C-alpha cells in the first residue's frame, strides 16, 4: 500500500502527497505512476489510482485533464474517466469523493476548510499560479460554504529553486504580470541565468488570498530521483517519457 506524505495542519480529512512508491508500474514509470496522460500501461495506472483511493478510504478518485489554466471546477459525485473536466483545480463538499492533482515538477496544493467540510486540490505550475488558479480554487470553495479565513492549504513536493533555472525573458514577463514576484527570483552568478522559487511564490499567493494557515512539504522533485517523478529531470536525462505523482484529499 502506498505511504504518502501528510501534513499535520490538514485536520479532519484524509489526504496525501503520494510519492512514486507503492504501485505496479515498471521501467520509467516505477512504480506509483498515476498519470492517465503518460504512455504507461493503462491497466497499471488504473491499479495505481485504485491503490491511492483505497489508501485514502475514498469510494472514488477524481482528477482533471490538466491544461495549465486558472480554471477550478466543483464536483459532486464520481466521474467516468472519459468525463474528466479540463481544469487545474477540483473542489468538492461530498464525503468519500477524493479530489486530486497530478504533478511532475509543478506544485500540487491541497486545501481544506474542516468546519465547512469543503476541500480542494490545485495544480499550480508557473502559468496557473500567476494566472490565478489558487485564488479560483478558494473562490470555488467559498461557493460551497467555505471561508478563506478558516481554509488551510499545503504546498506539496515540486521543483526547487536550485533546479528551476529560467530565462531572463521569463523573469521579465513574470514581473510585468506580478511585480510582487521579484523576491522569488534568485539572482544568478556572473554569466548565469535566474532561478525561480515556485513553492515560495505559491505560498505567497495563498497568503495574499487570506488563508488561515499555509504549509509546505519542501521536497524537490528534480533532486529526489528515488522518491519523485520530474519532467525536467526526464528532459535532462533524455528519457522518452515520465510518470506523474498524485496528491489527493477526501472528506471522510
Protein backbone atom coordinates (compact mmCIF):
# COMPACT_ATOMS: atom_id res chain seq x y z
CA UNK A 1 0.00 0.00 0.00
CA UNK A 2 1.37 3.48 -0.85
CA UNK A 3 2.57 5.59 2.08
CA UNK A 4 2.02 9.28 1.28
CA UNK A 5 3.49 12.36 2.86
CA UNK A 6 0.91 14.10 5.06
CA UNK A 7 0.63 17.50 6.71
CA UNK A 8 -0.43 17.94 10.34
CA UNK A 9 -2.33 21.15 9.64
CA UNK A 10 -4.83 19.44 7.31
CA UNK A 11 -7.11 18.16 10.05
CA UNK A 12 -10.50 16.48 9.70
CA UNK A 13 -9.70 14.99 6.29
CA UNK A 14 -7.81 12.09 4.77
CA UNK A 15 -5.09 13.30 2.41
CA UNK A 16 -1.70 12.55 0.99
CA UNK A 17 1.10 13.81 -1.21
CA UNK A 18 1.98 10.48 -2.78
CA UNK A 19 5.49 9.61 -3.88
CA UNK A 20 6.45 7.26 -6.69
CA UNK A 21 6.46 4.25 -4.34
CA UNK A 22 3.79 1.61 -3.76
CA UNK A 23 2.48 0.93 -7.25
CA UNK A 24 2.74 -1.64 -10.03
CA UNK A 25 4.17 0.34 -12.96
CA UNK A 26 7.53 -0.65 -14.44
CA UNK A 27 10.56 0.98 -16.03
CA UNK A 28 10.50 4.77 -16.30
CA UNK A 29 7.14 4.76 -14.52
CA UNK A 30 8.14 2.68 -11.48
CA UNK A 31 6.10 2.39 -9.51
CA UNK A 32 3.11 4.56 -8.47
CA UNK A 33 2.58 6.44 -11.72
CA UNK A 34 -0.96 7.89 -11.62
CA UNK A 35 -0.81 9.86 -14.87
CA UNK A 36 -3.51 8.87 -17.33
CA UNK A 37 -1.76 11.08 -19.88
CA UNK A 38 1.52 9.16 -19.75
CA UNK A 39 2.45 6.33 -22.10
CA UNK A 40 2.46 3.85 -19.25
CA UNK A 41 0.31 0.71 -19.37
CA UNK A 42 -3.23 1.96 -18.77
CA UNK A 43 -4.14 -1.02 -16.58
CA UNK A 44 -1.15 -0.32 -14.34
CA UNK A 45 -2.11 3.35 -13.98
CA UNK A 46 -5.69 2.42 -13.05
CA UNK A 47 -4.42 -0.06 -10.45
CA UNK A 48 -2.15 2.62 -9.01
CA UNK A 49 -5.03 5.07 -8.77
CA UNK A 50 -7.18 2.42 -7.13
CA UNK A 51 -4.47 1.92 -4.52
CA UNK A 52 -4.43 5.66 -3.83
CA UNK A 53 -8.21 5.73 -3.38
CA UNK A 54 -8.05 2.73 -1.06
CA UNK A 55 -5.25 4.30 0.99
CA UNK A 56 -7.38 7.41 1.48
CA UNK A 57 -10.56 5.47 2.22
CA UNK A 58 -12.32 7.05 -0.76
CA UNK A 59 -15.06 5.50 -2.85
CA UNK A 60 -13.90 7.41 -5.92
CA UNK A 61 -10.87 9.44 -7.03
CA UNK A 62 -11.28 12.33 -9.46
CA UNK A 63 -8.54 14.18 -11.29
CA UNK A 64 -8.88 16.68 -14.13
CA UNK A 65 -7.44 16.82 -17.62
CA UNK A 66 -4.91 19.47 -16.61
CA UNK A 67 -4.22 22.31 -19.03
CA UNK A 68 -2.08 24.80 -17.03
CA UNK A 69 -5.10 27.07 -16.60
CA UNK A 70 -6.70 29.08 -13.82
CA UNK A 71 -9.89 27.01 -14.03
CA UNK A 72 -11.38 25.42 -10.90
CA UNK A 73 -14.41 23.11 -11.09
CA UNK A 74 -16.82 21.77 -8.49
CA UNK A 75 -17.68 18.06 -8.47
CA UNK A 76 -20.50 16.44 -6.52
CA UNK A 77 -20.13 12.78 -7.44
CA UNK A 78 -17.85 10.29 -9.13
CA UNK A 79 -16.99 10.85 -12.79
CA UNK A 80 -16.08 8.42 -15.54
CA UNK A 81 -12.52 8.67 -16.79
CA UNK A 82 -13.77 9.99 -20.13
CA UNK A 83 -15.68 12.78 -18.35
CA UNK A 84 -12.70 14.33 -16.62
CA UNK A 85 -13.07 18.14 -16.70
CA UNK A 86 -10.48 20.29 -18.44
CA UNK A 87 -9.26 22.29 -15.46
CA UNK A 88 -6.43 22.61 -12.97
CA UNK A 89 -8.31 22.55 -9.69
CA UNK A 90 -11.17 20.49 -8.29
CA UNK A 91 -13.35 21.31 -5.29
CA UNK A 92 -15.99 19.22 -3.50
CA UNK A 93 -18.13 19.03 -0.38
CA UNK A 94 -19.09 15.39 -0.97
CA UNK A 95 -17.74 12.88 1.57
CA UNK A 96 -15.99 9.88 0.05
CA UNK A 97 -15.00 11.65 -3.18
CA UNK A 98 -11.25 12.19 -3.32
CA UNK A 99 -10.11 15.09 -5.48
CA UNK A 100 -6.55 15.10 -6.69
CA UNK A 101 -3.99 16.64 -8.98
CA UNK A 102 -1.04 15.20 -10.87
CA UNK A 103 2.41 16.75 -10.94
CA UNK A 104 5.97 16.10 -12.03
CA UNK A 105 7.61 19.41 -11.01
CA UNK A 106 4.58 21.72 -10.78
CA UNK A 107 3.24 22.42 -7.30
CA UNK A 108 0.30 20.38 -6.01
CA UNK A 109 -1.76 22.22 -3.39
CA UNK A 110 -4.36 20.65 -1.09
CA UNK A 111 -7.00 22.80 0.63
CA UNK A 112 -9.45 22.15 3.46
CA UNK A 113 -11.99 24.09 5.47
CA UNK A 114 -12.68 21.48 8.14
CA UNK A 115 -15.52 23.49 9.69
CA UNK A 116 -17.47 23.90 6.46
CA UNK A 117 -16.39 20.44 5.23
CA UNK A 118 -15.15 21.69 1.87
CA UNK A 119 -11.92 20.55 0.23
CA UNK A 120 -9.95 21.27 -2.92
CA UNK A 121 -6.86 20.31 -4.89
CA UNK A 122 -4.98 22.57 -7.31
CA UNK A 123 -2.21 22.03 -9.86
CA UNK A 124 -0.02 25.14 -9.82
CA UNK A 125 2.72 25.41 -12.37
CA UNK A 126 4.02 28.90 -13.04
CA UNK A 127 1.28 29.57 -15.59
CA UNK A 128 -1.50 28.52 -13.27
CA UNK A 129 -0.01 30.26 -10.24
CA UNK A 130 0.37 33.63 -11.93
CA UNK A 131 -2.91 33.14 -13.79
CA UNK A 132 -4.91 32.74 -10.57
CA UNK A 133 -5.64 29.02 -10.16
CA UNK A 134 -5.09 29.23 -6.41
CA UNK A 135 -7.50 32.12 -5.98
CA UNK A 136 -10.00 30.37 -8.26
CA UNK A 137 -9.84 27.30 -6.01
CA UNK A 138 -10.54 29.38 -2.91
CA UNK A 139 -13.45 31.13 -4.65
CA UNK A 140 -14.94 27.80 -5.71
CA UNK A 141 -14.67 26.56 -2.13
CA UNK A 142 -16.40 29.69 -0.88
CA UNK A 143 -19.24 28.89 -3.27
CA UNK A 144 -19.77 25.70 -1.28
CA UNK A 145 -19.76 27.48 2.06
CA UNK A 146 -16.06 27.62 2.97
CA UNK A 147 -14.45 30.69 4.49
CA UNK A 148 -10.94 31.63 3.42
CA UNK A 149 -10.19 32.67 6.99
CA UNK A 150 -10.88 29.04 8.00
CA UNK A 151 -9.22 27.42 4.99
CA UNK A 152 -5.85 25.76 5.30
CA UNK A 153 -3.59 24.85 2.38
CA UNK A 154 -0.40 22.86 1.96
CA UNK A 155 2.01 23.04 -0.98
CA UNK A 156 3.38 19.64 -1.88
CA UNK A 157 6.66 18.47 -3.44
CA UNK A 158 7.65 20.44 -6.54
CA UNK A 159 10.78 21.56 -8.33
CA UNK A 160 13.09 23.52 -6.04
CA UNK A 161 14.77 26.82 -6.89
CA UNK A 162 18.22 25.28 -7.25
CA UNK A 163 16.90 23.18 -10.15
CA UNK A 164 14.43 25.67 -11.62
CA UNK A 165 16.58 27.69 -14.00
CA UNK A 166 14.58 30.11 -16.17
CA UNK A 167 15.35 32.68 -18.83
CA UNK A 168 15.68 36.43 -18.42
CA UNK A 169 12.65 36.86 -20.72
CA UNK A 170 10.65 34.60 -18.39
CA UNK A 171 11.63 36.75 -15.41
CA UNK A 172 10.75 39.98 -17.19
CA UNK A 173 7.36 38.73 -18.38
CA UNK A 174 6.60 37.36 -14.92
CA UNK A 175 7.45 40.66 -13.24
CA UNK A 176 5.28 42.56 -15.70
CA UNK A 177 2.29 40.42 -14.69
CA UNK A 178 3.07 40.35 -10.95
CA UNK A 179 5.68 42.86 -9.68
CA UNK A 180 5.37 41.31 -6.20
CA UNK A 181 7.12 38.19 -7.51
CA UNK A 182 10.58 39.78 -7.63
CA UNK A 183 11.70 38.21 -4.37
CA UNK A 184 11.14 34.70 -5.73
CA UNK A 185 13.81 35.01 -8.39
CA UNK A 186 17.29 34.06 -7.24
CA UNK A 187 19.88 36.33 -8.79
CA UNK A 188 22.30 34.38 -10.99
CA UNK A 189 26.01 34.17 -10.58
CA UNK A 190 28.07 36.07 -13.12
CA UNK A 191 27.01 34.83 -16.54
CA UNK A 192 24.28 32.59 -15.14
CA UNK A 193 20.52 32.57 -15.57
CA UNK A 194 17.96 33.34 -12.87
CA UNK A 195 16.27 30.61 -10.83
CA UNK A 196 12.65 30.69 -9.67
CA UNK A 197 11.25 29.63 -6.29
CA UNK A 198 7.92 28.12 -7.33
CA UNK A 199 6.90 26.82 -3.89
CA UNK A 200 7.73 30.14 -2.27
CA UNK A 201 5.70 32.02 -4.86
CA UNK A 202 2.71 29.70 -4.41
CA UNK A 203 2.84 30.19 -0.64
CA UNK A 204 2.92 33.95 -1.20
CA UNK A 205 -0.14 33.86 -3.48
CA UNK A 206 -2.01 31.80 -0.88
CA UNK A 207 -1.05 34.28 1.81
CA UNK A 208 -2.25 37.18 -0.29
CA UNK A 209 -5.54 35.28 -0.76
CA UNK A 210 -6.10 35.45 3.00
CA UNK A 211 -5.94 31.78 4.01
CA UNK A 212 -5.78 30.95 7.69
CA UNK A 213 -2.78 28.60 7.62
CA UNK A 214 -0.34 27.64 4.87
CA UNK A 215 2.19 24.84 4.95
CA UNK A 216 4.75 23.42 2.59
CA UNK A 217 6.30 19.97 2.29
CA UNK A 218 9.60 21.34 1.00
CA UNK A 219 10.81 18.40 -1.10
CA UNK A 220 12.35 18.99 -4.56
CA UNK A 221 11.04 16.67 -7.26
CA UNK A 222 14.03 17.21 -9.54
CA UNK A 223 16.58 16.33 -6.87
CA UNK A 224 14.55 13.48 -5.36
CA UNK A 225 15.01 10.88 -8.10
CA UNK A 226 14.30 7.99 -5.74
CA UNK A 227 11.00 9.41 -4.48
CA UNK A 228 9.55 11.64 -7.20
CA UNK A 229 8.91 11.86 -10.91
CA UNK A 230 10.27 15.00 -12.61
CA UNK A 231 9.61 16.36 -16.09
CA UNK A 232 12.78 18.47 -16.08
CA UNK A 233 14.90 15.57 -14.93
CA UNK A 234 13.43 13.36 -17.65
CA UNK A 235 14.36 16.01 -20.21
CA UNK A 236 17.88 16.35 -18.84
CA UNK A 237 18.32 12.57 -18.99
CA UNK A 238 16.76 12.38 -22.49
CA UNK A 239 14.15 9.92 -21.32
CA UNK A 240 11.21 9.17 -23.61
CA UNK A 241 8.50 9.92 -21.03
CA UNK A 242 7.94 10.43 -17.31
CA UNK A 243 5.49 9.43 -14.60
CA UNK A 244 3.26 11.68 -12.54
CA UNK A 245 2.75 11.57 -8.79
CA UNK A 246 -0.64 12.33 -7.33
CA UNK A 247 -1.74 14.46 -4.39
CA UNK A 248 -5.30 13.96 -3.18
CA UNK A 249 -7.71 14.78 -0.36
CA UNK A 250 -11.10 13.39 0.76
CA UNK A 251 -13.75 14.17 3.34
CA UNK A 252 -14.27 11.02 5.42
